[in-house]
C-alpha atoms as a PDB file:
ATOM      1  CA  UNK A   1     -17.588  30.865   1.128  1.00  0.00           C
ATOM      2  CA  UNK A   2     -17.573  34.211  -0.794  1.00  0.00           C
ATOM      3  CA  UNK A   3     -17.580  33.927  -4.675  1.00  0.00           C
ATOM      4  CA  UNK A   4     -14.401  34.186  -5.895  1.00  0.00           C
ATOM      5  CA  UNK A   5     -13.341  31.298  -2.936  1.00  0.00           C
ATOM      6  CA  UNK A   6     -16.210  29.323  -5.025  1.00  0.00           C
ATOM      7  CA  UNK A   7     -14.967  29.927  -8.292  1.00  0.00           C
ATOM      8  CA  UNK A   8     -11.224  29.292  -7.655  1.00  0.00           C
ATOM      9  CA  UNK A   9     -11.579  26.626  -5.328  1.00  0.00           C
ATOM     10  CA  UNK A  10     -10.312  22.971  -6.239  1.00  0.00           C
ATOM     11  CA  UNK A  11     -12.668  21.708  -3.485  1.00  0.00           C
ATOM     12  CA  UNK A  12     -15.209  19.383  -4.833  1.00  0.00           C
ATOM     13  CA  UNK A  13     -17.775  16.864  -3.257  1.00  0.00           C
ATOM     14  CA  UNK A  14     -19.410  15.016  -6.484  1.00  0.00           C
ATOM     15  CA  UNK A  15     -22.592  12.988  -4.961  1.00  0.00           C
ATOM     16  CA  UNK A  16     -23.548   9.668  -5.104  1.00  0.00           C
ATOM     17  CA  UNK A  17     -24.760   8.512  -8.741  1.00  0.00           C
ATOM     18  CA  UNK A  18     -26.991   6.242  -5.562  1.00  0.00           C
ATOM     19  CA  UNK A  19     -27.432   8.017  -2.422  1.00  0.00           C
ATOM     20  CA  UNK A  20     -25.869   6.458   0.730  1.00  0.00           C
ATOM     21  CA  UNK A  21     -24.504   3.276  -2.070  1.00  0.00           C
ATOM     22  CA  UNK A  22     -21.117   3.112  -1.289  1.00  0.00           C
ATOM     23  CA  UNK A  23     -20.420  -0.231  -2.656  1.00  0.00           C
ATOM     24  CA  UNK A  24     -22.278   0.767  -5.706  1.00  0.00           C
ATOM     25  CA  UNK A  25     -20.364   4.002  -6.321  1.00  0.00           C
ATOM     26  CA  UNK A  26     -17.083   1.720  -5.222  1.00  0.00           C
ATOM     27  CA  UNK A  27     -17.688  -0.219  -8.482  1.00  0.00           C
ATOM     28  CA  UNK A  28     -18.520   1.876 -10.656  1.00  0.00           C
ATOM     29  CA  UNK A  29     -15.343   4.432  -9.643  1.00  0.00           C
ATOM     30  CA  UNK A  30     -13.102   1.480 -10.683  1.00  0.00           C
ATOM     31  CA  UNK A  31     -15.022   0.611 -13.437  1.00  0.00           C
ATOM     32  CA  UNK A  32     -14.311   4.216 -15.248  1.00  0.00           C
ATOM     33  CA  UNK A  33     -11.034   4.543 -13.912  1.00  0.00           C
ATOM     34  CA  UNK A  34     -10.088   1.698 -15.912  1.00  0.00           C
ATOM     35  CA  UNK A  35     -11.896   2.607 -18.772  1.00  0.00           C
ATOM     36  CA  UNK A  36      -9.131   5.382 -18.112  1.00  0.00           C
ATOM     37  CA  UNK A  37      -6.083   2.592 -18.490  1.00  0.00           C
ATOM     38  CA  UNK A  38      -6.026   2.812 -14.921  1.00  0.00           C
ATOM     39  CA  UNK A  39      -4.823  -0.399 -13.025  1.00  0.00           C
ATOM     40  CA  UNK A  40      -6.628  -1.050  -9.920  1.00  0.00           C
ATOM     41  CA  UNK A  41      -4.299  -1.617  -7.050  1.00  0.00           C
ATOM     42  CA  UNK A  42      -6.613  -2.571  -4.240  1.00  0.00           C
ATOM     43  CA  UNK A  43      -9.386  -0.725  -2.752  1.00  0.00           C
ATOM     44  CA  UNK A  44      -9.851  -0.975   0.783  1.00  0.00           C
ATOM     45  CA  UNK A  45     -11.644   1.445   3.870  1.00  0.00           C
ATOM     46  CA  UNK A  46     -10.297   3.795   6.367  1.00  0.00           C
ATOM     47  CA  UNK A  47     -12.231   5.767   8.666  1.00  0.00           C
ATOM     48  CA  UNK A  48     -15.816   6.713   6.825  1.00  0.00           C
ATOM     49  CA  UNK A  49     -13.631   7.067   3.671  1.00  0.00           C
ATOM     50  CA  UNK A  50     -13.567   4.524   0.907  1.00  0.00           C
ATOM     51  CA  UNK A  51     -10.322   3.889  -1.342  1.00  0.00           C
ATOM     52  CA  UNK A  52      -9.505   2.920  -4.402  1.00  0.00           C
ATOM     53  CA  UNK A  53      -5.747   2.811  -4.874  1.00  0.00           C
ATOM     54  CA  UNK A  54      -4.811   2.884  -8.751  1.00  0.00           C
ATOM     55  CA  UNK A  55      -1.456   3.044 -11.516  1.00  0.00           C
ATOM     56  CA  UNK A  56      -2.008   4.960 -14.758  1.00  0.00           C
ATOM     57  CA  UNK A  57      -0.737   2.684 -17.593  1.00  0.00           C
ATOM     58  CA  UNK A  58      -0.266   3.977 -21.222  1.00  0.00           C
ATOM     59  CA  UNK A  59      -1.903   1.110 -23.545  1.00  0.00           C
ATOM     60  CA  UNK A  60       0.863   1.229 -26.030  1.00  0.00           C
ATOM     61  CA  UNK A  61       3.809   0.780 -23.685  1.00  0.00           C
ATOM     62  CA  UNK A  62       5.056  -2.703 -22.040  1.00  0.00           C
ATOM     63  CA  UNK A  63       4.410  -2.635 -17.394  1.00  0.00           C
ATOM     64  CA  UNK A  64       8.159  -3.552 -17.872  1.00  0.00           C
ATOM     65  CA  UNK A  65       9.083  -0.541 -19.551  1.00  0.00           C
ATOM     66  CA  UNK A  66       6.872   2.261 -18.358  1.00  0.00           C
ATOM     67  CA  UNK A  67       9.238   5.291 -17.546  1.00  0.00           C
ATOM     68  CA  UNK A  68       6.426   7.007 -15.344  1.00  0.00           C
ATOM     69  CA  UNK A  69       4.617   6.512 -12.262  1.00  0.00           C
ATOM     70  CA  UNK A  70       1.715   8.108 -11.527  1.00  0.00           C
ATOM     71  CA  UNK A  71      -0.245   7.092  -8.330  1.00  0.00           C
ATOM     72  CA  UNK A  72      -3.858   7.746  -6.965  1.00  0.00           C
ATOM     73  CA  UNK A  73      -6.274   7.498  -4.971  1.00  0.00           C
ATOM     74  CA  UNK A  74     -10.292   7.769  -5.261  1.00  0.00           C
ATOM     75  CA  UNK A  75     -11.710   8.563  -1.967  1.00  0.00           C
ATOM     76  CA  UNK A  76     -15.608   8.328  -1.709  1.00  0.00           C
ATOM     77  CA  UNK A  77     -17.714   8.713   1.531  1.00  0.00           C
ATOM     78  CA  UNK A  78     -21.219   9.079   2.136  1.00  0.00           C
ATOM     79  CA  UNK A  79     -21.365  12.483   0.495  1.00  0.00           C
ATOM     80  CA  UNK A  80     -19.957  11.577  -2.775  1.00  0.00           C
ATOM     81  CA  UNK A  81     -16.775  11.640  -4.711  1.00  0.00           C
ATOM     82  CA  UNK A  82     -13.985  13.894  -3.017  1.00  0.00           C
ATOM     83  CA  UNK A  83     -11.789  15.435  -5.580  1.00  0.00           C
ATOM     84  CA  UNK A  84      -9.174  16.235  -6.515  1.00  0.00           C
ATOM     85  CA  UNK A  85      -7.694  12.097  -6.248  1.00  0.00           C
ATOM     86  CA  UNK A  86      -4.252  12.741  -4.056  1.00  0.00           C
ATOM     87  CA  UNK A  87      -2.135  11.694  -6.469  1.00  0.00           C
ATOM     88  CA  UNK A  88       2.117  11.176  -6.330  1.00  0.00           C
ATOM     89  CA  UNK A  89       4.295  10.825  -9.304  1.00  0.00           C
ATOM     90  CA  UNK A  90       7.639   9.944  -9.955  1.00  0.00           C
ATOM     91  CA  UNK A  91       9.963   9.039 -12.845  1.00  0.00           C
ATOM     92  CA  UNK A  92      12.142   5.546 -13.407  1.00  0.00           C
ATOM     93  CA  UNK A  93      15.382   6.425 -14.789  1.00  0.00           C
ATOM     94  CA  UNK A  94      16.226   5.635 -18.023  1.00  0.00           C
ATOM     95  CA  UNK A  95      18.372   2.697 -16.576  1.00  0.00           C
ATOM     96  CA  UNK A  96      15.944   1.931 -14.343  1.00  0.00           C
ATOM     97  CA  UNK A  97      18.156   1.885 -11.492  1.00  0.00           C
ATOM     98  CA  UNK A  98      16.193   4.908  -9.492  1.00  0.00           C
ATOM     99  CA  UNK A  99      12.792   6.274  -9.276  1.00  0.00           C
ATOM    100  CA  UNK A 100      12.825  10.011  -9.071  1.00  0.00           C
ATOM    101  CA  UNK A 101       9.948  11.044  -6.746  1.00  0.00           C
ATOM    102  CA  UNK A 102       7.961  14.306  -8.605  1.00  0.00           C
ATOM    103  CA  UNK A 103       5.366  15.315  -6.516  1.00  0.00           C
ATOM    104  CA  UNK A 104       3.054  14.461  -4.789  1.00  0.00           C
ATOM    105  CA  UNK A 105      -0.258  16.402  -4.698  1.00  0.00           C
ATOM    106  CA  UNK A 106      -2.820  16.406  -1.668  1.00  0.00           C
ATOM    107  CA  UNK A 107      -5.338  19.130  -1.068  1.00  0.00           C
ATOM    108  CA  UNK A 108      -5.160  20.843   2.219  1.00  0.00           C
ATOM    109  CA  UNK A 109      -9.020  19.668   2.810  1.00  0.00           C
ATOM    110  CA  UNK A 110      -7.887  16.457   2.604  1.00  0.00           C
ATOM    111  CA  UNK A 111      -4.382  15.975   4.090  1.00  0.00           C
ATOM    112  CA  UNK A 112      -3.970  14.221   7.573  1.00  0.00           C
ATOM    113  CA  UNK A 113      -5.504  11.382   6.397  1.00  0.00           C
ATOM    114  CA  UNK A 114      -3.119   9.212   5.501  1.00  0.00           C
ATOM    115  CA  UNK A 115      -2.917   9.432   1.880  1.00  0.00           C
ATOM    116  CA  UNK A 116       0.327  10.531   1.026  1.00  0.00           C
ATOM    117  CA  UNK A 117       1.697   7.873   3.494  1.00  0.00           C
ATOM    118  CA  UNK A 118      -0.248   5.241   1.260  1.00  0.00           C
ATOM    119  CA  UNK A 119       0.816   6.960  -2.087  1.00  0.00           C
ATOM    120  CA  UNK A 120       4.466   7.248  -1.116  1.00  0.00           C
ATOM    121  CA  UNK A 121       4.121   3.375   0.335  1.00  0.00           C
ATOM    122  CA  UNK A 122       2.956   2.109  -2.773  1.00  0.00           C
ATOM    123  CA  UNK A 123       5.744   3.879  -4.624  1.00  0.00           C
ATOM    124  CA  UNK A 124       7.955   1.843  -2.405  1.00  0.00           C
ATOM    125  CA  UNK A 125       6.525  -1.180  -2.734  1.00  0.00           C
ATOM    126  CA  UNK A 126       6.531  -0.831  -6.768  1.00  0.00           C
ATOM    127  CA  UNK A 127      10.411   0.136  -6.386  1.00  0.00           C
ATOM    128  CA  UNK A 128      11.206  -2.734  -4.476  1.00  0.00           C
ATOM    129  CA  UNK A 129       9.101  -5.290  -6.488  1.00  0.00           C
ATOM    130  CA  UNK A 130      11.539  -4.001  -9.727  1.00  0.00           C
ATOM    131  CA  UNK A 131      14.898  -4.850  -7.552  1.00  0.00           C
ATOM    132  CA  UNK A 132      14.949  -0.208  -7.576  1.00  0.00           C
ATOM    133  CA  UNK A 133      17.312   0.281  -4.007  1.00  0.00           C
ATOM    134  CA  UNK A 134      16.888   4.249  -4.502  1.00  0.00           C
ATOM    135  CA  UNK A 135      14.519   6.885  -4.538  1.00  0.00           C
ATOM    136  CA  UNK A 136      15.415  10.441  -4.369  1.00  0.00           C
ATOM    137  CA  UNK A 137      13.034  14.345  -4.800  1.00  0.00           C
ATOM    138  CA  UNK A 138      13.548  17.454  -3.366  1.00  0.00           C
ATOM    139  CA  UNK A 139      11.684  20.033  -0.831  1.00  0.00           C
ATOM    140  CA  UNK A 140      10.103  22.503  -3.264  1.00  0.00           C
ATOM    141  CA  UNK A 141      10.519  26.108  -2.152  1.00  0.00           C
ATOM    142  CA  UNK A 142       6.622  26.304  -2.258  1.00  0.00           C
ATOM    143  CA  UNK A 143       6.800  23.870   0.845  1.00  0.00           C
ATOM    144  CA  UNK A 144       8.497  26.309   2.838  1.00  0.00           C
ATOM    145  CA  UNK A 145       5.557  26.967   5.124  1.00  0.00           C
ATOM    146  CA  UNK A 146       4.864  23.033   6.335  1.00  0.00           C
ATOM    147  CA  UNK A 147       9.060  21.779   6.449  1.00  0.00           C
ATOM    148  CA  UNK A 148       8.898  20.294   9.091  1.00  0.00           C
ATOM    149  CA  UNK A 149       5.665  18.074   8.548  1.00  0.00           C
ATOM    150  CA  UNK A 150       7.397  17.372   5.357  1.00  0.00           C
ATOM    151  CA  UNK A 151      10.565  16.494   6.939  1.00  0.00           C
ATOM    152  CA  UNK A 152       8.176  14.334   9.651  1.00  0.00           C
ATOM    153  CA  UNK A 153       6.621  12.823   7.170  1.00  0.00           C
ATOM    154  CA  UNK A 154       9.837  11.871   5.009  1.00  0.00           C
ATOM    155  CA  UNK A 155      11.806  10.652   8.003  1.00  0.00           C
ATOM    156  CA  UNK A 156       8.642   8.072   8.746  1.00  0.00           C
ATOM    157  CA  UNK A 157       9.154   6.752   5.361  1.00  0.00           C
ATOM    158  CA  UNK A 158      13.001   6.205   5.762  1.00  0.00           C
ATOM    159  CA  UNK A 159      14.340   8.719   3.342  1.00  0.00           C
ATOM    160  CA  UNK A 160      17.462  10.856   4.072  1.00  0.00           C
ATOM    161  CA  UNK A 161      16.182  14.893   4.179  1.00  0.00           C
ATOM    162  CA  UNK A 162      18.897  17.606   3.525  1.00  0.00           C
ATOM    163  CA  UNK A 163      18.069  20.807   3.904  1.00  0.00           C
ATOM    164  CA  UNK A 164      19.675  23.901   3.077  1.00  0.00           C
ATOM    165  CA  UNK A 165      19.045  26.879   5.415  1.00  0.00           C
ATOM    166  CA  UNK A 166      21.075  28.582   2.458  1.00  0.00           C
ATOM    167  CA  UNK A 167      18.734  28.212  -0.497  1.00  0.00           C
ATOM    168  CA  UNK A 168      15.699  29.434   1.035  1.00  0.00           C
ATOM    169  CA  UNK A 169      15.208  32.013  -2.011  1.00  0.00           C
ATOM    170  CA  UNK A 170      15.700  29.363  -4.799  1.00  0.00           C
ATOM    171  CA  UNK A 171      13.486  26.552  -5.808  1.00  0.00           C
ATOM    172  CA  UNK A 172      14.706  23.619  -4.064  1.00  0.00           C
ATOM    173  CA  UNK A 173      14.804  23.731  -0.386  1.00  0.00           C
ATOM    174  CA  UNK A 174      16.105  20.099   0.333  1.00  0.00           C
ATOM    175  CA  UNK A 175      16.790  16.611  -0.982  1.00  0.00           C
ATOM    176  CA  UNK A 176      15.364  13.349   0.020  1.00  0.00           C
ATOM    177  CA  UNK A 177      17.077   9.802  -0.621  1.00  0.00           C
ATOM    178  CA  UNK A 178      15.538   6.571   0.011  1.00  0.00           C
ATOM    179  CA  UNK A 179      18.095   3.829   0.068  1.00  0.00           C
ATOM    180  CA  UNK A 180      16.422  -0.074  -0.282  1.00  0.00           C
ATOM    181  CA  UNK A 181      19.048  -1.897   2.348  1.00  0.00           C
END
């Protein structure tokens, strides 16, 4: 890896506080997330990765009035904590009848481990718990290099995907709609 790749790389592995002690690190990371205003949704293992699924809430806003949905996954392995965390950002509509999916961010080296599916499934569960029947979003032109993979991903989660072949030069190249039927 050249010096510029090292300086500008977002890929980071932070070593474990106690070498090979995953249980200690899971507890330590959970406490750290809670202290920063995150709620732990679940902890589980997937392949050789230990995961902490979390959601951020703002202290001053009652949970039922929280308009921002910020979900993340802390990935802990024997090698260390993998950063940056895969995250999903979404927003409730003003009247809390719809959710707008803003972004799912997963670094390339963390892709294809199912983290996007975990995040999106959690968002769908939030929608169902809140009796919200629709999640909308769009596909950005920055994703055009892996459009087929995205279409497959969203369809796998029961989203309708509408691509606009004529909008390749614009920021938005497709729409996403999930309906709770």
